[in-house]
Amino acid sequence: MIKESVNALSDALDSAIMHMDADQWALTAQTDDYAEGIAAFREGREPKFTGN
């Protein structure tokens, strides 16, 4: 029963964290630094982040 309880709690936390991750990605994907990081990766150069 203890193992079932621990597994249930762990699964509940995983679901909550997955939602947080999606929210944080959605906010980050709208920034200039995100676009710069993608562009730098595709062009094979170091990114120049501005903090925006």
PDB file of N, CA and C in Angstrom:
ATOM      1  N   MET A   1       0.814  -1.192   0.000  1.00  0.00           N
ATOM      2  CA  MET A   1       0.000   0.000   0.000  1.00  0.00           C
ATOM      3  C   MET A   1       0.862   1.261   0.000  1.00  0.00           C
ATOM      4  N   ILE A   2       1.970   1.191   0.689  1.00  0.00           N
ATOM      5  CA  ILE A   2       2.860   2.352   0.719  1.00  0.00           C
ATOM      6  C   ILE A   2       3.417   2.618  -0.674  1.00  0.00           C
ATOM      7  N   LYS A   3       3.823   1.554  -1.360  1.00  0.00           N
ATOM      8  CA  LYS A   3       4.355   1.697  -2.712  1.00  0.00           C
ATOM      9  C   LYS A   3       3.297   2.295  -3.642  1.00  0.00           C
ATOM     10  N   GLU A   4       2.065   1.855  -3.531  1.00  0.00           N
ATOM     11  CA  GLU A   4       0.987   2.413  -4.349  1.00  0.00           C
ATOM     12  C   GLU A   4       0.780   3.890  -4.045  1.00  0.00           C
ATOM     13  N   SER A   5       0.850   4.264  -2.782  1.00  0.00           N
ATOM     14  CA  SER A   5       0.688   5.663  -2.390  1.00  0.00           C
ATOM     15  C   SER A   5       1.811   6.535  -2.945  1.00  0.00           C
ATOM     16  N   VAL A   6       3.021   6.053  -2.841  1.00  0.00           N
ATOM     17  CA  VAL A   6       4.175   6.804  -3.358  1.00  0.00           C
ATOM     18  C   VAL A   6       4.063   6.952  -4.870  1.00  0.00           C
ATOM     19  N   ASN A   7       3.708   5.885  -5.559  1.00  0.00           N
ATOM     20  CA  ASN A   7       3.560   5.949  -7.016  1.00  0.00           C
ATOM     21  C   ASN A   7       2.441   6.902  -7.418  1.00  0.00           C
ATOM     22  N   ALA A   8       1.329   6.898  -6.704  1.00  0.00           N
ATOM     23  CA  ALA A   8       0.216   7.802  -7.010  1.00  0.00           C
ATOM     24  C   ALA A   8       0.643   9.254  -6.809  1.00  0.00           C
ATOM     25  N   LEU A   9       1.345   9.527  -5.722  1.00  0.00           N
ATOM     26  CA  LEU A   9       1.826  10.886  -5.467  1.00  0.00           C
ATOM     27  C   LEU A   9       2.817  11.319  -6.536  1.00  0.00           C
ATOM     28  N   SER A  10       3.715  10.433  -6.902  1.00  0.00           N
ATOM     29  CA  SER A  10       4.708  10.735  -7.931  1.00  0.00           C
ATOM     30  C   SER A  10       4.039  11.046  -9.264  1.00  0.00           C
ATOM     31  N   ASP A  11       3.040  10.260  -9.630  1.00  0.00           N
ATOM     32  CA  ASP A  11       2.322  10.501 -10.877  1.00  0.00           C
ATOM     33  C   ASP A  11       1.589  11.830 -10.851  1.00  0.00           C
ATOM     34  N   ALA A  12       1.012  12.184  -9.717  1.00  0.00           N
ATOM     35  CA  ALA A  12       0.296  13.460  -9.595  1.00  0.00           C
ATOM     36  C   ALA A  12       1.261  14.625  -9.782  1.00  0.00           C
ATOM     37  N   LEU A  13       2.443  14.528  -9.197  1.00  0.00           N
ATOM     38  CA  LEU A  13       3.430  15.595  -9.338  1.00  0.00           C
ATOM     39  C   LEU A  13       3.934  15.693 -10.772  1.00  0.00           C
ATOM     40  N   ASP A  14       4.106  14.553 -11.437  1.00  0.00           N
ATOM     41  CA  ASP A  14       4.548  14.562 -12.831  1.00  0.00           C
ATOM     42  C   ASP A  14       3.571  15.342 -13.707  1.00  0.00           C
ATOM     43  N   SER A  15       2.285  15.123 -13.501  1.00  0.00           N
ATOM     44  CA  SER A  15       1.280  15.828 -14.294  1.00  0.00           C
ATOM     45  C   SER A  15       1.339  17.328 -14.044  1.00  0.00           C
ATOM     46  N   ALA A  16       1.496  17.725 -12.804  1.00  0.00           N
ATOM     47  CA  ALA A  16       1.563  19.151 -12.476  1.00  0.00           C
ATOM     48  C   ALA A  16       2.797  19.793 -13.098  1.00  0.00           C
ATOM     49  N   ILE A  17       3.910  19.099 -13.043  1.00  0.00           N
ATOM     50  CA  ILE A  17       5.156  19.634 -13.589  1.00  0.00           C
ATOM     51  C   ILE A  17       5.086  19.729 -15.112  1.00  0.00           C
ATOM     52  N   MET A  18       4.447  18.752 -15.752  1.00  0.00           N
ATOM     53  CA  MET A  18       4.338  18.794 -17.213  1.00  0.00           C
ATOM     54  C   MET A  18       3.541  20.025 -17.650  1.00  0.00           C
ATOM     55  N   HIS A  19       2.512  20.394 -16.912  1.00  0.00           N
ATOM     56  CA  HIS A  19       1.732  21.586 -17.246  1.00  0.00           C
ATOM     57  C   HIS A  19       2.563  22.843 -17.045  1.00  0.00           C
ATOM     58  N   MET A  20       3.350  22.877 -15.979  1.00  0.00           N
ATOM     59  CA  MET A  20       4.218  24.030 -15.741  1.00  0.00           C
ATOM     60  C   MET A  20       5.241  24.165 -16.860  1.00  0.00           C
ATOM     61  N   ASP A  21       5.801  23.055 -17.292  1.00  0.00           N
ATOM     62  CA  ASP A  21       6.802  23.067 -18.351  1.00  0.00           C
ATOM     63  C   ASP A  21       6.215  23.626 -19.638  1.00  0.00           C
ATOM     64  N   ALA A  22       5.016  23.226 -19.983  1.00  0.00           N
ATOM     65  CA  ALA A  22       4.369  23.714 -21.200  1.00  0.00           C
ATOM     66  C   ALA A  22       4.092  25.212 -21.110  1.00  0.00           C
ATOM     67  N   ASP A  23       3.653  25.677 -19.955  1.00  0.00           N
ATOM     68  CA  ASP A  23       3.391  27.105 -19.761  1.00  0.00           C
ATOM     69  C   ASP A  23       4.678  27.916 -19.884  1.00  0.00           C
ATOM     70  N   GLN A  24       5.733  27.432 -19.256  1.00  0.00           N
ATOM     71  CA  GLN A  24       7.007  28.150 -19.295  1.00  0.00           C
ATOM     72  C   GLN A  24       7.571  28.175 -20.711  1.00  0.00           C
ATOM     73  N   TRP A  25       7.446  27.079 -21.442  1.00  0.00           N
ATOM     74  CA  TRP A  25       7.927  27.055 -22.828  1.00  0.00           C
ATOM     75  C   TRP A  25       7.140  28.051 -23.676  1.00  0.00           C
ATOM     76  N   ALA A  26       5.827  28.105 -23.491  1.00  0.00           N
ATOM     77  CA  ALA A  26       4.993  29.022 -24.278  1.00  0.00           C
ATOM     78  C   ALA A  26       5.418  30.470 -24.047  1.00  0.00           C
ATOM     79  N   LEU A  27       5.730  30.824 -22.817  1.00  0.00           N
ATOM     80  CA  LEU A  27       6.190  32.193 -22.531  1.00  0.00           C
ATOM     81  C   LEU A  27       7.580  32.448 -23.108  1.00  0.00           C
ATOM     82  N   THR A  28       8.464  31.489 -22.953  1.00  0.00           N
ATOM     83  CA  THR A  28       9.835  31.637 -23.435  1.00  0.00           C
ATOM     84  C   THR A  28       9.892  31.723 -24.957  1.00  0.00           C
ATOM     85  N   ALA A  29       9.049  30.975 -25.640  1.00  0.00           N
ATOM     86  CA  ALA A  29       9.069  30.921 -27.101  1.00  0.00           C
ATOM     87  C   ALA A  29       8.673  32.241 -27.740  1.00  0.00           C
ATOM     88  N   GLN A  30       8.156  33.169 -26.961  1.00  0.00           N
ATOM     89  CA  GLN A  30       7.739  34.466 -27.485  1.00  0.00           C
ATOM     90  C   GLN A  30       8.831  35.535 -27.337  1.00  0.00           C
ATOM     91  N   THR A  31       9.993  35.185 -26.803  1.00  0.00           N
ATOM     92  CA  THR A  31      11.033  36.179 -26.541  1.00  0.00           C
ATOM     93  C   THR A  31      12.012  36.326 -27.704  1.00  0.00           C
ATOM     94  N   ASP A  32      12.674  37.468 -27.725  1.00  0.00           N
ATOM     95  CA  ASP A  32      13.711  37.723 -28.727  1.00  0.00           C
ATOM     96  C   ASP A  32      14.888  36.761 -28.543  1.00  0.00           C
ATOM     97  N   ASP A  33      15.221  36.458 -27.277  1.00  0.00           N
ATOM     98  CA  ASP A  33      16.334  35.543 -27.013  1.00  0.00           C
ATOM     99  C   ASP A  33      16.050  34.146 -27.547  1.00  0.00           C
ATOM    100  N   TYR A  34      14.818  33.695 -27.485  1.00  0.00           N
ATOM    101  CA  TYR A  34      14.452  32.388 -28.039  1.00  0.00           C
ATOM    102  C   TYR A  34      14.709  32.386 -29.543  1.00  0.00           C
ATOM    103  N   ALA A  35      14.234  33.425 -30.224  1.00  0.00           N
ATOM    104  CA  ALA A  35      14.432  33.513 -31.675  1.00  0.00           C
ATOM    105  C   ALA A  35      15.917  33.585 -32.011  1.00  0.00           C
ATOM    106  N   GLU A  36      16.677  34.321 -31.208  1.00  0.00           N
ATOM    107  CA  GLU A  36      18.120  34.429 -31.432  1.00  0.00           C
ATOM    108  C   GLU A  36      18.797  33.079 -31.234  1.00  0.00           C
ATOM    109  N   GLY A  37      18.397  32.342 -30.213  1.00  0.00           N
ATOM    110  CA  GLY A  37      18.981  31.031 -29.959  1.00  0.00           C
ATOM    111  C   GLY A  37      18.729  30.064 -31.108  1.00  0.00           C
ATOM    112  N   ILE A  38      17.521  30.062 -31.623  1.00  0.00           N
ATOM    113  CA  ILE A  38      17.182  29.190 -32.756  1.00  0.00           C
ATOM    114  C   ILE A  38      17.972  29.599 -33.999  1.00  0.00           C
ATOM    115  N   ALA A  39      18.015  30.904 -34.270  1.00  0.00           N
ATOM    116  CA  ALA A  39      18.734  31.394 -35.448  1.00  0.00           C
ATOM    117  C   ALA A  39      20.226  31.071 -35.351  1.00  0.00           C
ATOM    118  N   ALA A  40      20.816  31.284 -34.181  1.00  0.00           N
ATOM    119  CA  ALA A  40      22.240  31.004 -33.997  1.00  0.00           C
ATOM    120  C   ALA A  40      22.530  29.519 -34.178  1.00  0.00           C
ATOM    121  N   PHE A  41      21.664  28.672 -33.658  1.00  0.00           N
ATOM    122  CA  PHE A  41      21.853  27.225 -33.813  1.00  0.00           C
ATOM    123  C   PHE A  41      21.812  26.837 -35.283  1.00  0.00           C
ATOM    124  N   ARG A  42      20.829  27.343 -36.004  1.00  0.00           N
ATOM    125  CA  ARG A  42      20.695  27.005 -37.424  1.00  0.00           C
ATOM    126  C   ARG A  42      21.862  27.530 -38.253  1.00  0.00           C
ATOM    127  N   GLU A  43      22.403  28.676 -37.853  1.00  0.00           N
ATOM    128  CA  GLU A  43      23.512  29.278 -38.606  1.00  0.00           C
ATOM    129  C   GLU A  43      24.876  28.788 -38.114  1.00  0.00           C
ATOM    130  N   GLY A  44      24.902  27.984 -37.065  1.00  0.00           N
ATOM    131  CA  GLY A  44      26.162  27.445 -36.563  1.00  0.00           C
ATOM    132  C   GLY A  44      27.059  28.488 -35.922  1.00  0.00           C
ATOM    133  N   ARG A  45      26.461  29.429 -35.223  1.00  0.00           N
ATOM    134  CA  ARG A  45      27.239  30.496 -34.570  1.00  0.00           C
ATOM    135  C   ARG A  45      26.839  30.609 -33.113  1.00  0.00           C
ATOM    136  N   GLU A  46      27.613  31.364 -32.358  1.00  0.00           N
ATOM    137  CA  GLU A  46      27.291  31.616 -30.961  1.00  0.00           C
ATOM    138  C   GLU A  46      26.131  32.612 -30.878  1.00  0.00           C
ATOM    139  N   PRO A  47      25.172  32.402 -29.996  1.00  0.00           N
ATOM    140  CA  PRO A  47      24.054  33.344 -29.873  1.00  0.00           C
ATOM    141  C   PRO A  47      24.490  34.627 -29.185  1.00  0.00           C
ATOM    142  N   LYS A  48      23.798  35.699 -29.486  1.00  0.00           N
ATOM    143  CA  LYS A  48      24.031  36.998 -28.843  1.00  0.00           C
ATOM    144  C   LYS A  48      22.749  37.384 -28.105  1.00  0.00           C
ATOM    145  N   PHE A  49      22.628  36.901 -26.859  1.00  0.00           N
ATOM    146  CA  PHE A  49      21.431  37.134 -26.083  1.00  0.00           C
ATOM    147  C   PHE A  49      21.418  38.551 -25.502  1.00  0.00           C
ATOM    148  N   THR A  50      20.234  39.139 -25.480  1.00  0.00           N
ATOM    149  CA  THR A  50      20.085  40.505 -24.975  1.00  0.00           C
ATOM    150  C   THR A  50      19.291  40.552 -23.671  1.00  0.00           C
ATOM    151  N   GLY A  51      18.676  39.456 -23.283  1.00  0.00           N
ATOM    152  CA  GLY A  51      17.881  39.435 -22.069  1.00  0.00           C
ATOM    153  C   GLY A  51      16.420  39.759 -22.303  1.00  0.00           C
ATOM    154  N   ASN A  52      16.015  39.800 -23.569  1.00  0.00           N
ATOM    155  CA  ASN A  52      14.615  40.094 -23.885  1.00  0.00           C
ATOM    156  C   ASN A  52      13.904  38.858 -24.364  1.00  0.00           C
TER     157      ASN A  52
END
